[in-house]
N, C-alpha and C. Protein backbone atom coordinates (compact mmCIF):
# COMPACT_ATOMS: atom_id res chain seq x y z
N MET A 1 0.84 -1.18 0.00
CA MET A 1 0.00 0.00 0.00
C MET A 1 0.89 1.24 0.00
N SER A 2 0.61 2.12 -0.90
CA SER A 2 1.38 3.36 -1.02
C SER A 2 0.84 4.40 -0.04
N ARG A 3 1.73 5.20 0.51
CA ARG A 3 1.31 6.28 1.41
C ARG A 3 0.73 7.45 0.61
N PHE A 4 1.38 7.73 -0.51
CA PHE A 4 0.92 8.77 -1.43
C PHE A 4 1.59 8.51 -2.77
N GLU A 5 1.07 9.12 -3.81
CA GLU A 5 1.69 8.99 -5.13
C GLU A 5 2.30 10.33 -5.50
N PHE A 6 3.63 10.37 -5.51
CA PHE A 6 4.37 11.58 -5.82
C PHE A 6 3.89 12.20 -7.13
N ALA A 7 3.76 11.39 -8.17
CA ALA A 7 3.37 11.91 -9.49
C ALA A 7 2.00 12.58 -9.47
N LYS A 8 1.09 12.06 -8.66
CA LYS A 8 -0.25 12.64 -8.58
C LYS A 8 -0.33 13.78 -7.57
N ALA A 9 0.37 13.62 -6.45
CA ALA A 9 0.30 14.64 -5.40
C ALA A 9 1.05 15.91 -5.77
N SER A 10 2.15 15.75 -6.51
CA SER A 10 2.99 16.89 -6.90
C SER A 10 3.43 16.73 -8.36
N PRO A 11 2.50 16.85 -9.29
CA PRO A 11 2.84 16.55 -10.68
C PRO A 11 3.93 17.44 -11.28
N VAL A 12 3.96 18.70 -10.89
CA VAL A 12 4.99 19.60 -11.44
C VAL A 12 6.37 19.19 -10.91
N LEU A 13 6.46 18.89 -9.64
CA LEU A 13 7.74 18.44 -9.08
C LEU A 13 8.16 17.10 -9.67
N PHE A 14 7.22 16.18 -9.82
CA PHE A 14 7.52 14.90 -10.44
C PHE A 14 8.08 15.11 -11.85
N LYS A 15 7.40 15.93 -12.64
CA LYS A 15 7.85 16.19 -14.01
C LYS A 15 9.25 16.81 -14.03
N GLY A 16 9.53 17.69 -13.09
CA GLY A 16 10.85 18.31 -13.02
C GLY A 16 11.94 17.30 -12.70
N LEU A 17 11.70 16.45 -11.71
CA LEU A 17 12.69 15.44 -11.35
C LEU A 17 12.83 14.41 -12.46
N TYR A 18 11.72 14.02 -13.06
CA TYR A 18 11.76 13.08 -14.18
C TYR A 18 12.54 13.68 -15.35
N HIS A 19 12.31 14.95 -15.62
CA HIS A 19 13.05 15.63 -16.70
C HIS A 19 14.55 15.66 -16.40
N ALA A 20 14.91 16.00 -15.18
CA ALA A 20 16.33 16.01 -14.81
C ALA A 20 16.94 14.63 -14.99
N SER A 21 16.21 13.60 -14.60
CA SER A 21 16.71 12.23 -14.76
C SER A 21 16.86 11.85 -16.23
N THR A 22 15.92 12.26 -17.05
CA THR A 22 15.98 11.98 -18.49
C THR A 22 17.15 12.71 -19.14
N VAL A 23 17.36 13.95 -18.77
CA VAL A 23 18.50 14.71 -19.29
C VAL A 23 19.81 14.02 -18.89
N PHE A 24 19.90 13.61 -17.64
CA PHE A 24 21.09 12.89 -17.19
C PHE A 24 21.31 11.63 -18.02
N GLU A 25 20.28 10.83 -18.18
CA GLU A 25 20.41 9.54 -18.89
C GLU A 25 20.85 9.72 -20.34
N THR A 26 20.42 10.79 -20.98
CA THR A 26 20.72 10.98 -22.40
C THR A 26 21.91 11.90 -22.67
N ASN A 27 22.50 12.47 -21.63
CA ASN A 27 23.56 13.45 -21.85
C ASN A 27 24.77 13.25 -20.96
N ASN A 28 25.10 12.01 -20.62
CA ASN A 28 26.33 11.79 -19.87
C ASN A 28 27.25 10.89 -20.67
N THR A 29 28.52 10.92 -20.33
CA THR A 29 29.52 10.18 -21.08
C THR A 29 29.94 8.88 -20.38
N LEU A 30 29.25 8.53 -19.33
CA LEU A 30 29.60 7.34 -18.54
C LEU A 30 29.01 6.08 -19.17
N ALA A 31 29.66 4.96 -18.96
CA ALA A 31 29.14 3.68 -19.43
C ALA A 31 27.81 3.39 -18.73
N LYS A 32 26.84 2.90 -19.49
CA LYS A 32 25.52 2.60 -18.92
C LYS A 32 25.63 1.59 -17.77
N THR A 33 26.51 0.60 -17.93
CA THR A 33 26.64 -0.40 -16.86
C THR A 33 27.20 0.24 -15.59
N LEU A 34 28.10 1.20 -15.72
CA LEU A 34 28.65 1.88 -14.54
C LEU A 34 27.55 2.67 -13.84
N VAL A 35 26.78 3.42 -14.60
CA VAL A 35 25.69 4.21 -14.03
C VAL A 35 24.71 3.30 -13.29
N GLU A 36 24.34 2.20 -13.91
CA GLU A 36 23.34 1.32 -13.31
C GLU A 36 23.86 0.57 -12.09
N ILE A 37 25.12 0.16 -12.09
CA ILE A 37 25.65 -0.54 -10.91
C ILE A 37 25.75 0.42 -9.73
N VAL A 38 26.07 1.68 -10.02
CA VAL A 38 26.09 2.70 -8.96
C VAL A 38 24.68 2.92 -8.42
N LYS A 39 23.70 3.01 -9.30
CA LYS A 39 22.31 3.18 -8.85
C LYS A 39 21.87 1.98 -8.01
N CYS A 40 22.30 0.79 -8.39
CA CYS A 40 21.97 -0.40 -7.60
C CYS A 40 22.57 -0.30 -6.20
N ARG A 41 23.83 0.10 -6.12
CA ARG A 41 24.48 0.17 -4.80
C ARG A 41 23.83 1.22 -3.91
N VAL A 42 23.53 2.38 -4.47
CA VAL A 42 22.88 3.44 -3.69
C VAL A 42 21.50 2.96 -3.24
N SER A 43 20.79 2.29 -4.12
CA SER A 43 19.46 1.78 -3.76
C SER A 43 19.55 0.72 -2.67
N GLN A 44 20.60 -0.11 -2.70
CA GLN A 44 20.83 -1.07 -1.61
C GLN A 44 21.03 -0.32 -0.29
N MET A 45 21.90 0.68 -0.32
CA MET A 45 22.20 1.43 0.90
C MET A 45 20.96 2.11 1.47
N ASN A 46 20.09 2.57 0.59
CA ASN A 46 18.88 3.27 1.01
C ASN A 46 17.71 2.32 1.25
N ALA A 47 17.93 1.02 1.05
CA ALA A 47 16.89 0.01 1.24
C ALA A 47 15.66 0.29 0.39
N CYS A 48 15.89 0.72 -0.85
CA CYS A 48 14.79 0.99 -1.77
C CYS A 48 14.66 -0.19 -2.74
N SER A 49 13.79 -1.13 -2.40
CA SER A 49 13.66 -2.34 -3.20
C SER A 49 13.13 -2.06 -4.60
N PHE A 50 12.23 -1.10 -4.72
CA PHE A 50 11.66 -0.76 -6.03
C PHE A 50 12.77 -0.32 -6.99
N CYS A 51 13.61 0.63 -6.55
CA CYS A 51 14.68 1.14 -7.41
C CYS A 51 15.76 0.08 -7.64
N LEU A 52 16.07 -0.70 -6.63
CA LEU A 52 17.08 -1.74 -6.79
C LEU A 52 16.66 -2.73 -7.86
N ARG A 53 15.44 -3.18 -7.82
CA ARG A 53 14.95 -4.13 -8.84
C ARG A 53 15.00 -3.50 -10.24
N MET A 54 14.53 -2.28 -10.35
CA MET A 54 14.50 -1.61 -11.65
C MET A 54 15.92 -1.43 -12.22
N HIS A 55 16.85 -0.97 -11.40
CA HIS A 55 18.20 -0.70 -11.89
C HIS A 55 19.02 -1.97 -12.08
N ARG A 56 18.71 -3.01 -11.31
CA ARG A 56 19.33 -4.31 -11.57
C ARG A 56 18.94 -4.79 -12.95
N ASP A 57 17.65 -4.69 -13.28
CA ASP A 57 17.18 -5.11 -14.61
C ASP A 57 17.82 -4.28 -15.71
N ASP A 58 17.93 -2.96 -15.50
CA ASP A 58 18.57 -2.09 -16.50
C ASP A 58 20.05 -2.43 -16.65
N TYR A 59 20.72 -2.69 -15.56
CA TYR A 59 22.14 -3.06 -15.59
C TYR A 59 22.34 -4.33 -16.43
N LEU A 60 21.53 -5.32 -16.18
CA LEU A 60 21.65 -6.58 -16.92
C LEU A 60 21.27 -6.38 -18.40
N LYS A 61 20.26 -5.56 -18.65
CA LYS A 61 19.83 -5.28 -20.02
C LYS A 61 20.94 -4.62 -20.84
N HIS A 62 21.77 -3.81 -20.19
CA HIS A 62 22.86 -3.12 -20.87
C HIS A 62 24.15 -3.95 -20.91
N GLY A 63 24.05 -5.22 -20.54
CA GLY A 63 25.21 -6.10 -20.65
C GLY A 63 25.98 -6.30 -19.37
N GLY A 64 25.44 -5.85 -18.24
CA GLY A 64 26.10 -6.05 -16.96
C GLY A 64 26.14 -7.52 -16.58
N GLU A 65 27.04 -7.84 -15.68
CA GLU A 65 27.27 -9.22 -15.27
C GLU A 65 26.49 -9.58 -14.00
N GLN A 66 25.82 -10.71 -14.02
CA GLN A 66 25.06 -11.17 -12.87
C GLN A 66 25.96 -11.32 -11.64
N ASP A 67 27.20 -11.79 -11.84
CA ASP A 67 28.13 -11.96 -10.71
C ASP A 67 28.34 -10.65 -9.95
N LYS A 68 28.41 -9.55 -10.67
CA LYS A 68 28.61 -8.27 -10.01
C LYS A 68 27.38 -7.88 -9.18
N ILE A 69 26.21 -8.14 -9.70
CA ILE A 69 24.98 -7.87 -8.94
C ILE A 69 24.97 -8.74 -7.68
N ASP A 70 25.34 -10.00 -7.84
CA ASP A 70 25.35 -10.93 -6.70
C ASP A 70 26.33 -10.49 -5.62
N MET A 71 27.43 -9.88 -6.01
CA MET A 71 28.49 -9.50 -5.07
C MET A 71 28.47 -8.03 -4.69
N LEU A 72 27.49 -7.28 -5.16
CA LEU A 72 27.49 -5.83 -4.99
C LEU A 72 27.51 -5.39 -3.53
N ALA A 73 26.79 -6.07 -2.67
CA ALA A 73 26.76 -5.66 -1.26
C ALA A 73 28.13 -5.80 -0.59
N VAL A 74 28.99 -6.65 -1.16
CA VAL A 74 30.33 -6.87 -0.59
C VAL A 74 31.41 -6.55 -1.62
N TRP A 75 31.17 -5.56 -2.45
CA TRP A 75 32.05 -5.25 -3.57
C TRP A 75 33.49 -4.98 -3.13
N ARG A 76 33.69 -4.43 -1.97
CA ARG A 76 35.06 -4.13 -1.52
C ARG A 76 35.88 -5.41 -1.34
N ASN A 77 35.22 -6.52 -1.08
CA ASN A 77 35.91 -7.78 -0.85
C ASN A 77 35.72 -8.77 -2.00
N ALA A 78 35.24 -8.30 -3.12
CA ALA A 78 34.99 -9.16 -4.28
C ALA A 78 35.94 -8.80 -5.40
N LYS A 79 36.41 -9.78 -6.12
CA LYS A 79 37.38 -9.57 -7.20
C LYS A 79 36.73 -9.09 -8.50
N ASP A 80 35.42 -9.09 -8.57
CA ASP A 80 34.70 -8.87 -9.82
C ASP A 80 34.75 -7.44 -10.36
N PHE A 81 35.11 -6.47 -9.56
CA PHE A 81 34.94 -5.07 -9.93
C PHE A 81 36.24 -4.43 -10.40
N SER A 82 36.14 -3.63 -11.48
CA SER A 82 37.30 -2.91 -12.02
C SER A 82 37.68 -1.76 -11.09
N VAL A 83 38.87 -1.21 -11.31
CA VAL A 83 39.30 -0.08 -10.48
C VAL A 83 38.38 1.13 -10.69
N GLU A 84 37.88 1.32 -11.91
CA GLU A 84 36.95 2.42 -12.18
C GLU A 84 35.64 2.21 -11.43
N GLU A 85 35.13 0.99 -11.48
CA GLU A 85 33.89 0.70 -10.75
C GLU A 85 34.08 0.88 -9.25
N ARG A 86 35.22 0.45 -8.75
CA ARG A 86 35.51 0.60 -7.31
C ARG A 86 35.54 2.07 -6.92
N ALA A 87 36.17 2.90 -7.74
CA ALA A 87 36.23 4.33 -7.44
C ALA A 87 34.83 4.94 -7.47
N ALA A 88 34.02 4.56 -8.46
CA ALA A 88 32.66 5.10 -8.57
C ALA A 88 31.78 4.61 -7.43
N LEU A 89 31.89 3.35 -7.07
CA LEU A 89 31.09 2.81 -5.96
C LEU A 89 31.48 3.44 -4.63
N ASP A 90 32.78 3.65 -4.44
CA ASP A 90 33.22 4.30 -3.21
C ASP A 90 32.67 5.72 -3.13
N TRP A 91 32.74 6.45 -4.23
CA TRP A 91 32.20 7.82 -4.28
C TRP A 91 30.71 7.81 -3.98
N ALA A 92 29.99 6.87 -4.58
CA ALA A 92 28.54 6.77 -4.36
C ALA A 92 28.24 6.51 -2.89
N GLU A 93 28.98 5.61 -2.28
CA GLU A 93 28.77 5.31 -0.86
C GLU A 93 29.08 6.52 0.02
N LYS A 94 30.17 7.19 -0.29
CA LYS A 94 30.55 8.35 0.54
C LYS A 94 29.51 9.46 0.43
N LEU A 95 29.00 9.72 -0.77
CA LEU A 95 28.01 10.78 -0.93
C LEU A 95 26.66 10.39 -0.36
N THR A 96 26.33 9.12 -0.42
CA THR A 96 25.04 8.66 0.10
C THR A 96 25.01 8.69 1.62
N SER A 97 26.09 8.29 2.25
CA SER A 97 26.13 8.33 3.72
C SER A 97 26.54 9.71 4.23
N ALA A 98 27.39 10.40 3.48
CA ALA A 98 27.81 11.79 3.77
C ALA A 98 28.19 12.03 5.22
N ALA A 99 28.80 11.05 5.84
CA ALA A 99 29.09 11.17 7.27
C ALA A 99 30.49 11.69 7.59
N ASP A 100 31.42 11.57 6.67
CA ASP A 100 32.82 11.83 6.99
C ASP A 100 33.46 12.67 5.89
N ALA A 101 33.68 13.94 6.16
CA ALA A 101 34.23 14.85 5.15
C ALA A 101 35.61 14.40 4.67
N ALA A 102 36.45 13.91 5.55
CA ALA A 102 37.79 13.45 5.15
C ALA A 102 37.69 12.25 4.22
N ALA A 103 36.77 11.35 4.50
CA ALA A 103 36.59 10.18 3.63
C ALA A 103 36.05 10.61 2.26
N ILE A 104 35.19 11.60 2.24
CA ILE A 104 34.68 12.13 0.96
C ILE A 104 35.83 12.73 0.17
N ASP A 105 36.70 13.49 0.83
CA ASP A 105 37.86 14.08 0.16
C ASP A 105 38.76 13.00 -0.44
N ALA A 106 39.04 11.95 0.32
CA ALA A 106 39.90 10.87 -0.16
C ALA A 106 39.26 10.14 -1.33
N SER A 107 37.97 9.92 -1.26
CA SER A 107 37.25 9.26 -2.35
C SER A 107 37.29 10.11 -3.61
N PHE A 108 37.10 11.41 -3.45
CA PHE A 108 37.15 12.33 -4.59
C PHE A 108 38.53 12.29 -5.25
N GLU A 109 39.57 12.30 -4.46
CA GLU A 109 40.93 12.24 -5.00
C GLU A 109 41.14 10.99 -5.84
N ALA A 110 40.61 9.87 -5.41
CA ALA A 110 40.76 8.61 -6.14
C ALA A 110 40.03 8.65 -7.49
N LEU A 111 38.96 9.40 -7.58
CA LEU A 111 38.20 9.48 -8.84
C LEU A 111 39.03 10.08 -9.97
N GLY A 112 39.89 11.04 -9.64
CA GLY A 112 40.67 11.75 -10.65
C GLY A 112 41.58 10.87 -11.47
N SER A 113 41.93 9.72 -10.95
CA SER A 113 42.78 8.78 -11.70
C SER A 113 42.00 8.03 -12.76
N HIS A 114 40.68 8.05 -12.68
CA HIS A 114 39.87 7.21 -13.56
C HIS A 114 38.84 7.97 -14.38
N PHE A 115 38.50 9.19 -13.94
CA PHE A 115 37.42 9.92 -14.59
C PHE A 115 37.83 11.38 -14.81
N SER A 116 37.31 11.97 -15.88
CA SER A 116 37.52 13.39 -16.14
C SER A 116 36.65 14.22 -15.19
N GLU A 117 36.92 15.51 -15.12
CA GLU A 117 36.10 16.39 -14.29
C GLU A 117 34.64 16.33 -14.71
N GLU A 118 34.41 16.31 -16.03
CA GLU A 118 33.04 16.21 -16.54
C GLU A 118 32.39 14.91 -16.08
N GLN A 119 33.10 13.82 -16.16
CA GLN A 119 32.54 12.54 -15.75
C GLN A 119 32.28 12.49 -14.24
N ILE A 120 33.16 13.09 -13.46
CA ILE A 120 32.94 13.15 -12.01
C ILE A 120 31.68 13.95 -11.72
N SER A 121 31.50 15.06 -12.43
CA SER A 121 30.29 15.86 -12.26
C SER A 121 29.05 15.06 -12.66
N GLU A 122 29.14 14.33 -13.77
CA GLU A 122 28.02 13.50 -14.23
C GLU A 122 27.71 12.40 -13.22
N LEU A 123 28.74 11.72 -12.75
CA LEU A 123 28.56 10.65 -11.78
C LEU A 123 27.90 11.20 -10.51
N THR A 124 28.35 12.34 -10.06
CA THR A 124 27.80 12.96 -8.86
C THR A 124 26.33 13.31 -9.07
N THR A 125 25.99 13.81 -10.25
CA THR A 125 24.59 14.12 -10.56
C THR A 125 23.74 12.85 -10.53
N GLY A 126 24.25 11.78 -11.13
CA GLY A 126 23.52 10.51 -11.11
C GLY A 126 23.29 9.99 -9.71
N ILE A 127 24.29 10.12 -8.86
CA ILE A 127 24.18 9.69 -7.46
C ILE A 127 23.13 10.55 -6.73
N ALA A 128 23.15 11.84 -6.96
CA ALA A 128 22.17 12.73 -6.33
C ALA A 128 20.75 12.38 -6.79
N LEU A 129 20.59 12.12 -8.08
CA LEU A 129 19.26 11.80 -8.60
C LEU A 129 18.72 10.49 -8.04
N ILE A 130 19.55 9.44 -8.01
CA ILE A 130 19.05 8.17 -7.49
C ILE A 130 18.76 8.27 -6.00
N ASN A 131 19.53 9.06 -5.27
CA ASN A 131 19.21 9.27 -3.86
C ASN A 131 17.84 9.95 -3.72
N ALA A 132 17.56 10.92 -4.57
CA ALA A 132 16.25 11.59 -4.52
C ALA A 132 15.13 10.60 -4.82
N TRP A 133 15.27 9.81 -5.88
CA TRP A 133 14.25 8.82 -6.23
C TRP A 133 14.09 7.78 -5.13
N ASN A 134 15.20 7.33 -4.55
CA ASN A 134 15.13 6.35 -3.46
C ASN A 134 14.32 6.90 -2.30
N ARG A 135 14.61 8.11 -1.91
CA ARG A 135 13.92 8.68 -0.77
C ARG A 135 12.43 8.89 -1.04
N LEU A 136 12.12 9.26 -2.27
CA LEU A 136 10.71 9.39 -2.64
C LEU A 136 10.02 8.02 -2.65
N GLY A 137 10.71 7.02 -3.15
CA GLY A 137 10.14 5.66 -3.15
C GLY A 137 9.90 5.16 -1.74
N ILE A 138 10.85 5.41 -0.86
CA ILE A 138 10.71 4.99 0.54
C ILE A 138 9.57 5.76 1.21
N ALA A 139 9.52 7.07 0.98
CA ALA A 139 8.46 7.89 1.58
C ALA A 139 7.09 7.46 1.10
N GLN A 140 6.99 7.06 -0.17
CA GLN A 140 5.70 6.62 -0.72
C GLN A 140 5.34 5.22 -0.27
N HIS A 141 6.34 4.51 0.29
CA HIS A 141 6.15 3.14 0.76
C HIS A 141 6.04 2.18 -0.43
N GLN A 142 6.91 2.41 -1.42
CA GLN A 142 6.93 1.55 -2.61
C GLN A 142 7.75 0.31 -2.33
N PHE A 143 7.18 -0.83 -2.62
CA PHE A 143 7.91 -2.09 -2.48
C PHE A 143 7.97 -2.78 -3.83
N ALA A 144 8.99 -3.59 -4.01
CA ALA A 144 9.10 -4.37 -5.25
C ALA A 144 9.16 -5.83 -4.92
């Protein structure tokens, strides 16, 4: 049972967030699998089952590996992830928890070895957007 429907309760805000998400999806230079695995990890952290299921399916549709999905919760201890994915996942975790400024600084420094400034900005935007959608899904009481 949903608590409220964001799209119906606040249609202008829904359209704005949806538009921002669409612009992000069609105008970034990041690999689709990277974007989707990051969205999966953020959705795991936020306990948003609806978004996790959706982004897992998108990740696999774009050629992502099932093993990575299976190991995502323990990615730091799994051999399956590239150095670029590790840097992006670390950044996503640091921004999602936002608890330690020094850790955020260290994570940001590591990104520079793998991503351009534009890509870091794009990745950060994607992380912010999925966090917004996760929180709206949780507030609406959406389950998958």
